[in-house]
N, C-alpha and C. Protein backbone atom coordinates (compact mmCIF):
# COMPACT_ATOMS: atom_id res chain seq x y z
N MET A 1 80.70 48.94 1.93
CA MET A 1 79.30 49.11 1.59
C MET A 1 78.57 47.80 1.81
N PHE A 2 77.41 47.88 2.43
CA PHE A 2 76.60 46.70 2.69
C PHE A 2 75.81 46.34 1.44
N GLN A 3 75.75 45.03 1.14
CA GLN A 3 74.95 44.55 0.01
C GLN A 3 74.09 43.38 0.44
N TYR A 4 72.90 43.36 -0.11
CA TYR A 4 71.93 42.30 0.15
C TYR A 4 71.59 41.68 -1.20
N GLU A 5 71.57 40.36 -1.25
CA GLU A 5 71.26 39.65 -2.50
C GLU A 5 69.83 39.14 -2.46
N TRP A 6 69.11 39.35 -3.55
CA TRP A 6 67.70 38.95 -3.66
C TRP A 6 67.47 38.28 -5.01
N LYS A 7 66.77 37.14 -4.98
CA LYS A 7 66.46 36.43 -6.23
C LYS A 7 64.98 36.57 -6.53
N CYS A 8 64.69 36.95 -7.75
CA CYS A 8 63.31 37.11 -8.20
C CYS A 8 62.71 35.73 -8.50
N ALA A 9 61.73 35.36 -7.71
CA ALA A 9 61.08 34.05 -7.84
C ALA A 9 59.79 34.16 -8.67
N TRP A 10 59.24 33.02 -9.03
CA TRP A 10 58.02 32.97 -9.83
C TRP A 10 56.88 33.75 -9.18
N GLY A 11 56.74 33.66 -7.88
CA GLY A 11 55.67 34.36 -7.19
C GLY A 11 55.85 35.87 -7.11
N HIS A 12 56.99 36.38 -7.58
CA HIS A 12 57.27 37.82 -7.55
C HIS A 12 56.92 38.51 -8.86
N VAL A 13 56.49 37.75 -9.88
CA VAL A 13 56.37 38.33 -11.22
C VAL A 13 54.92 38.37 -11.72
N ASP A 14 54.73 39.20 -12.74
CA ASP A 14 53.43 39.28 -13.42
C ASP A 14 53.38 38.20 -14.51
N PRO A 15 52.29 38.12 -15.26
CA PRO A 15 52.18 37.08 -16.29
C PRO A 15 53.26 37.15 -17.38
N HIS A 16 53.97 38.28 -17.49
CA HIS A 16 55.03 38.42 -18.50
C HIS A 16 56.42 38.07 -17.95
N GLY A 17 56.46 37.65 -16.69
CA GLY A 17 57.74 37.26 -16.09
C GLY A 17 58.55 38.42 -15.54
N ILE A 18 57.94 39.60 -15.42
CA ILE A 18 58.63 40.79 -14.91
C ILE A 18 58.18 41.05 -13.47
N ALA A 19 59.14 41.36 -12.62
CA ALA A 19 58.85 41.56 -11.20
C ALA A 19 57.79 42.63 -11.00
N TYR A 20 56.80 42.29 -10.20
CA TYR A 20 55.75 43.20 -9.80
C TYR A 20 56.36 44.18 -8.81
N TYR A 21 56.18 45.49 -9.04
CA TYR A 21 56.93 46.49 -8.27
C TYR A 21 56.81 46.37 -6.75
N PRO A 22 55.66 45.98 -6.16
CA PRO A 22 55.66 45.84 -4.69
C PRO A 22 56.67 44.83 -4.18
N ARG A 23 57.01 43.83 -4.99
CA ARG A 23 58.03 42.86 -4.57
C ARG A 23 59.40 43.52 -4.54
N LEU A 24 59.63 44.47 -5.47
CA LEU A 24 60.91 45.18 -5.49
C LEU A 24 60.99 46.17 -4.32
N VAL A 25 59.86 46.78 -3.97
CA VAL A 25 59.81 47.64 -2.79
C VAL A 25 60.16 46.81 -1.56
N ASN A 26 59.57 45.62 -1.47
CA ASN A 26 59.83 44.74 -0.33
C ASN A 26 61.30 44.35 -0.28
N ALA A 27 61.89 44.02 -1.44
CA ALA A 27 63.30 43.64 -1.48
C ALA A 27 64.19 44.79 -1.01
N MET A 28 63.85 46.00 -1.44
CA MET A 28 64.63 47.18 -1.04
C MET A 28 64.54 47.38 0.48
N HIS A 29 63.33 47.33 1.01
CA HIS A 29 63.16 47.52 2.45
C HIS A 29 63.87 46.41 3.23
N ARG A 30 63.81 45.20 2.71
CA ARG A 30 64.48 44.07 3.36
C ARG A 30 65.99 44.31 3.42
N ALA A 31 66.55 44.91 2.37
CA ALA A 31 67.99 45.23 2.36
C ALA A 31 68.33 46.16 3.51
N GLY A 32 67.47 47.16 3.75
CA GLY A 32 67.68 48.07 4.88
C GLY A 32 67.58 47.36 6.21
N GLU A 33 66.60 46.46 6.33
CA GLU A 33 66.46 45.67 7.56
C GLU A 33 67.70 44.82 7.81
N GLU A 34 68.20 44.18 6.75
CA GLU A 34 69.39 43.33 6.90
C GLU A 34 70.62 44.15 7.27
N PHE A 35 70.73 45.36 6.71
CA PHE A 35 71.84 46.24 7.10
C PHE A 35 71.78 46.53 8.59
N MET A 36 70.61 46.95 9.06
CA MET A 36 70.46 47.29 10.48
C MET A 36 70.74 46.08 11.37
N ASP A 37 70.25 44.93 10.98
CA ASP A 37 70.50 43.71 11.75
C ASP A 37 72.00 43.38 11.74
N ASP A 38 72.65 43.56 10.60
CA ASP A 38 74.07 43.25 10.46
C ASP A 38 74.95 44.12 11.37
N ILE A 39 74.52 45.35 11.63
CA ILE A 39 75.32 46.24 12.50
C ILE A 39 74.91 46.11 13.97
N GLY A 40 74.01 45.17 14.25
CA GLY A 40 73.59 44.93 15.63
C GLY A 40 72.51 45.87 16.12
N MET A 41 71.79 46.51 15.19
CA MET A 41 70.74 47.45 15.55
C MET A 41 69.44 47.08 14.82
N ALA A 42 68.99 45.86 14.99
CA ALA A 42 67.79 45.40 14.31
C ALA A 42 66.62 46.31 14.65
N TYR A 43 65.85 46.70 13.64
CA TYR A 43 64.71 47.60 13.84
C TYR A 43 63.82 47.14 15.00
N TRP A 44 63.59 45.84 15.11
CA TRP A 44 62.66 45.34 16.12
C TRP A 44 63.22 45.43 17.54
N ASP A 45 64.54 45.57 17.69
CA ASP A 45 65.15 45.70 19.01
C ASP A 45 65.31 47.15 19.45
N ILE A 46 65.31 48.07 18.52
CA ILE A 46 65.60 49.48 18.83
C ILE A 46 64.64 50.06 19.86
N PRO A 47 63.32 49.86 19.75
CA PRO A 47 62.43 50.48 20.76
C PRO A 47 62.73 50.03 22.20
N ASP A 48 63.00 48.76 22.39
CA ASP A 48 63.28 48.26 23.74
C ASP A 48 64.66 48.67 24.26
N GLU A 49 65.62 48.76 23.35
CA GLU A 49 66.99 49.04 23.78
C GLU A 49 67.34 50.53 23.82
N HIS A 50 66.63 51.35 23.01
CA HIS A 50 67.01 52.77 22.90
C HIS A 50 65.85 53.73 23.14
N ASP A 51 64.66 53.20 23.43
CA ASP A 51 63.47 54.03 23.72
C ASP A 51 63.07 54.94 22.56
N VAL A 52 63.39 54.52 21.35
CA VAL A 52 62.96 55.23 20.14
C VAL A 52 62.53 54.20 19.11
N HIS A 53 61.80 54.65 18.12
CA HIS A 53 61.56 53.81 16.96
C HIS A 53 61.79 54.66 15.72
N LEU A 54 61.91 54.01 14.58
CA LEU A 54 62.28 54.68 13.34
C LEU A 54 61.23 54.43 12.26
N PRO A 55 60.05 55.02 12.40
CA PRO A 55 59.03 54.78 11.38
C PRO A 55 59.44 55.34 10.02
N LEU A 56 59.00 54.66 9.00
CA LEU A 56 59.22 55.08 7.62
C LEU A 56 58.21 56.18 7.30
N VAL A 57 58.69 57.34 6.85
CA VAL A 57 57.80 58.46 6.56
C VAL A 57 57.74 58.82 5.08
N ALA A 58 58.70 58.34 4.30
CA ALA A 58 58.71 58.62 2.85
C ALA A 58 59.59 57.60 2.15
N MET A 59 59.24 57.33 0.91
CA MET A 59 60.09 56.47 0.09
C MET A 59 59.82 56.77 -1.38
N ASN A 60 60.81 56.47 -2.21
CA ASN A 60 60.62 56.55 -3.65
C ASN A 60 61.56 55.59 -4.34
N MET A 61 61.23 55.31 -5.59
CA MET A 61 62.04 54.41 -6.40
C MET A 61 62.05 54.92 -7.83
N ASP A 62 63.17 54.73 -8.51
CA ASP A 62 63.29 55.02 -9.93
C ASP A 62 63.74 53.74 -10.62
N PHE A 63 62.94 53.29 -11.57
CA PHE A 63 63.21 52.03 -12.26
C PHE A 63 63.97 52.30 -13.54
N GLU A 64 65.04 51.52 -13.77
CA GLU A 64 65.86 51.71 -14.96
C GLU A 64 65.83 50.50 -15.89
N ARG A 65 65.72 49.31 -15.32
CA ARG A 65 65.75 48.10 -16.14
C ARG A 65 64.92 47.03 -15.44
N PRO A 66 64.12 46.28 -16.19
CA PRO A 66 63.25 45.28 -15.55
C PRO A 66 64.04 44.21 -14.80
N VAL A 67 63.40 43.69 -13.78
CA VAL A 67 63.89 42.52 -13.07
C VAL A 67 62.95 41.39 -13.46
N GLU A 68 63.52 40.30 -13.95
CA GLU A 68 62.72 39.19 -14.45
C GLU A 68 62.90 37.96 -13.57
N VAL A 69 61.95 37.04 -13.70
CA VAL A 69 62.00 35.81 -12.92
C VAL A 69 63.37 35.14 -13.11
N GLY A 70 63.97 34.74 -12.01
CA GLY A 70 65.29 34.10 -12.03
C GLY A 70 66.44 35.07 -11.85
N ASP A 71 66.21 36.37 -12.04
CA ASP A 71 67.29 37.34 -11.87
C ASP A 71 67.71 37.42 -10.40
N VAL A 72 69.00 37.57 -10.21
CA VAL A 72 69.56 37.83 -8.88
C VAL A 72 70.04 39.27 -8.90
N ILE A 73 69.54 40.05 -7.96
CA ILE A 73 70.00 41.43 -7.88
C ILE A 73 70.70 41.65 -6.54
N ARG A 74 71.65 42.57 -6.57
CA ARG A 74 72.38 42.96 -5.36
C ARG A 74 71.95 44.37 -5.02
N ILE A 75 71.50 44.54 -3.81
CA ILE A 75 71.00 45.84 -3.38
C ILE A 75 71.99 46.42 -2.38
N SER A 76 72.63 47.52 -2.77
CA SER A 76 73.56 48.19 -1.87
C SER A 76 72.79 49.19 -1.02
N VAL A 77 73.28 49.36 0.20
CA VAL A 77 72.63 50.24 1.17
C VAL A 77 73.63 51.29 1.62
N GLU A 78 73.24 52.56 1.47
CA GLU A 78 74.05 53.68 1.93
C GLU A 78 73.21 54.53 2.88
N PRO A 79 73.46 54.48 4.18
CA PRO A 79 72.68 55.30 5.11
C PRO A 79 73.12 56.76 5.08
N ASP A 80 72.19 57.63 5.41
CA ASP A 80 72.43 59.06 5.52
C ASP A 80 71.89 59.47 6.89
N ILE A 81 72.80 59.65 7.84
CA ILE A 81 72.42 59.91 9.23
C ILE A 81 72.16 61.40 9.43
N GLY A 82 70.95 61.70 9.86
CA GLY A 82 70.60 63.07 10.22
C GLY A 82 70.57 63.22 11.73
N ASN A 83 70.22 64.39 12.19
CA ASN A 83 70.11 64.64 13.62
C ASN A 83 68.92 63.90 14.22
N LYS A 84 67.77 63.96 13.53
CA LYS A 84 66.54 63.31 14.00
C LYS A 84 65.98 62.36 12.96
N SER A 85 66.81 61.95 12.02
CA SER A 85 66.31 61.11 10.93
C SER A 85 67.39 60.17 10.42
N LEU A 86 66.94 59.20 9.67
CA LEU A 86 67.83 58.26 9.01
C LEU A 86 67.32 58.04 7.60
N GLY A 87 68.14 58.42 6.64
CA GLY A 87 67.83 58.14 5.24
C GLY A 87 68.57 56.89 4.81
N MET A 88 68.00 56.17 3.88
CA MET A 88 68.65 55.00 3.30
C MET A 88 68.59 55.12 1.79
N GLU A 89 69.75 55.09 1.15
CA GLU A 89 69.83 55.12 -0.31
C GLU A 89 70.14 53.70 -0.78
N PHE A 90 69.44 53.27 -1.79
CA PHE A 90 69.57 51.91 -2.30
C PHE A 90 69.89 51.94 -3.79
N THR A 91 70.76 51.02 -4.22
CA THR A 91 70.99 50.78 -5.64
C THR A 91 70.90 49.28 -5.85
N ALA A 92 69.94 48.88 -6.69
CA ALA A 92 69.75 47.46 -7.01
C ALA A 92 70.36 47.19 -8.37
N SER A 93 71.31 46.26 -8.41
CA SER A 93 72.04 45.98 -9.65
C SER A 93 71.89 44.53 -10.07
N HIS A 94 71.82 44.35 -11.39
CA HIS A 94 71.82 43.00 -11.96
C HIS A 94 73.21 42.40 -11.82
N GLU A 95 73.31 41.12 -12.08
CA GLU A 95 74.60 40.44 -11.96
C GLU A 95 75.65 41.00 -12.91
N ASP A 96 75.21 41.60 -14.04
CA ASP A 96 76.18 42.19 -14.98
C ASP A 96 76.59 43.60 -14.58
N GLY A 97 76.07 44.08 -13.44
CA GLY A 97 76.44 45.38 -12.93
C GLY A 97 75.53 46.53 -13.35
N THR A 98 74.60 46.28 -14.26
CA THR A 98 73.68 47.34 -14.67
C THR A 98 72.65 47.60 -13.57
N THR A 99 72.22 48.83 -13.46
CA THR A 99 71.27 49.22 -12.42
C THR A 99 69.85 48.81 -12.82
N ALA A 100 69.18 48.12 -11.94
CA ALA A 100 67.77 47.78 -12.13
C ALA A 100 66.89 48.91 -11.61
N TYR A 101 67.21 49.38 -10.40
CA TYR A 101 66.47 50.51 -9.83
C TYR A 101 67.26 51.12 -8.69
N THR A 102 66.93 52.34 -8.38
CA THR A 102 67.46 53.02 -7.21
C THR A 102 66.27 53.41 -6.33
N GLY A 103 66.55 53.62 -5.05
CA GLY A 103 65.46 53.99 -4.16
C GLY A 103 65.96 54.73 -2.94
N HIS A 104 65.00 55.26 -2.23
CA HIS A 104 65.29 56.02 -1.02
C HIS A 104 64.19 55.76 0.00
N GLU A 105 64.59 55.61 1.25
CA GLU A 105 63.66 55.56 2.38
C GLU A 105 64.07 56.64 3.36
N GLN A 106 63.08 57.30 3.94
CA GLN A 106 63.34 58.30 4.98
C GLN A 106 62.64 57.85 6.25
N HIS A 107 63.41 57.70 7.30
CA HIS A 107 62.90 57.33 8.62
C HIS A 107 63.08 58.52 9.54
N VAL A 108 62.17 58.67 10.48
CA VAL A 108 62.30 59.72 11.49
C VAL A 108 62.46 59.04 12.85
N CYS A 109 63.25 59.64 13.71
CA CYS A 109 63.46 59.10 15.05
C CYS A 109 62.37 59.65 15.96
N VAL A 110 61.66 58.75 16.62
CA VAL A 110 60.52 59.11 17.45
C VAL A 110 60.68 58.46 18.83
N SER A 111 60.44 59.23 19.86
CA SER A 111 60.51 58.73 21.23
C SER A 111 59.35 57.76 21.49
N THR A 112 59.65 56.65 22.14
CA THR A 112 58.58 55.72 22.51
C THR A 112 57.75 56.27 23.67
N ALA A 113 58.28 57.24 24.40
CA ALA A 113 57.56 57.78 25.56
C ALA A 113 56.40 58.69 25.16
N ASP A 114 56.63 59.52 24.12
CA ASP A 114 55.58 60.49 23.77
C ASP A 114 55.29 60.60 22.27
N ASN A 115 55.90 59.73 21.47
CA ASN A 115 55.70 59.72 20.01
C ASN A 115 56.06 61.05 19.36
N GLN A 116 57.01 61.76 19.92
CA GLN A 116 57.50 63.01 19.34
C GLN A 116 58.88 62.78 18.74
N SER A 117 59.19 63.52 17.68
CA SER A 117 60.51 63.38 17.07
C SER A 117 61.58 63.73 18.10
N CYS A 118 62.71 63.06 17.98
CA CYS A 118 63.81 63.28 18.91
C CYS A 118 65.13 62.99 18.21
N THR A 119 66.20 63.32 18.87
CA THR A 119 67.54 63.09 18.33
C THR A 119 67.85 61.60 18.31
N LEU A 120 68.50 61.16 17.23
CA LEU A 120 68.95 59.77 17.17
C LEU A 120 69.91 59.50 18.33
N PRO A 121 69.73 58.41 19.06
CA PRO A 121 70.68 58.09 20.13
C PRO A 121 72.10 57.94 19.57
N GLU A 122 73.06 58.43 20.32
CA GLU A 122 74.46 58.42 19.89
C GLU A 122 74.93 57.00 19.54
N GLU A 123 74.57 56.02 20.35
CA GLU A 123 74.99 54.64 20.09
C GLU A 123 74.46 54.14 18.75
N LEU A 124 73.24 54.50 18.43
CA LEU A 124 72.63 54.12 17.16
C LEU A 124 73.32 54.81 15.99
N SER A 125 73.54 56.11 16.10
CA SER A 125 74.24 56.86 15.05
C SER A 125 75.64 56.31 14.82
N ARG A 126 76.34 56.02 15.90
CA ARG A 126 77.72 55.51 15.80
C ARG A 126 77.74 54.14 15.12
N ALA A 127 76.79 53.26 15.49
CA ALA A 127 76.74 51.91 14.89
C ALA A 127 76.47 52.01 13.39
N ILE A 128 75.57 52.90 13.00
CA ILE A 128 75.25 53.07 11.58
C ILE A 128 76.47 53.59 10.83
N ALA A 129 77.10 54.61 11.38
CA ALA A 129 78.29 55.19 10.74
C ALA A 129 79.40 54.15 10.62
N ASN A 130 79.63 53.36 11.66
CA ASN A 130 80.66 52.34 11.62
C ASN A 130 80.31 51.21 10.66
N GLY A 131 79.02 50.99 10.44
CA GLY A 131 78.58 49.92 9.55
C GLY A 131 78.89 50.15 8.09
N VAL A 132 79.20 51.39 7.71
CA VAL A 132 79.50 51.68 6.30
C VAL A 132 80.98 51.92 6.07
N GLU A 133 81.77 51.87 7.11
CA GLU A 133 83.22 52.09 6.95
C GLU A 133 83.91 50.85 6.46
């Protein structure tokens, strides 16, 4: 399982020292970007190398425990490969193992030629699948 580590800095929090939720959204999305980069399929390279892009079409988060300034959280990434889509499941955990939040992103595979949904390229699907083994 891929994990990304993120530290909550002073600029990420509200006046009470609790992480402002857009910063947590950003951390979650960054974990997905790092996963894709780690498997050699960086989002920014996919359009040029595979003639598709993977726009984000939906996301959600469920918060369980606050993240405070100075906290280090580990965000695990579990991809869900569809025929024409890529889901990403995230679990953000505190250092003591308790869950801070969970989240989901849904990406759709779109052809760069006509902006229509299309099947995920086999090489991309295989790299994602191999990245979680």
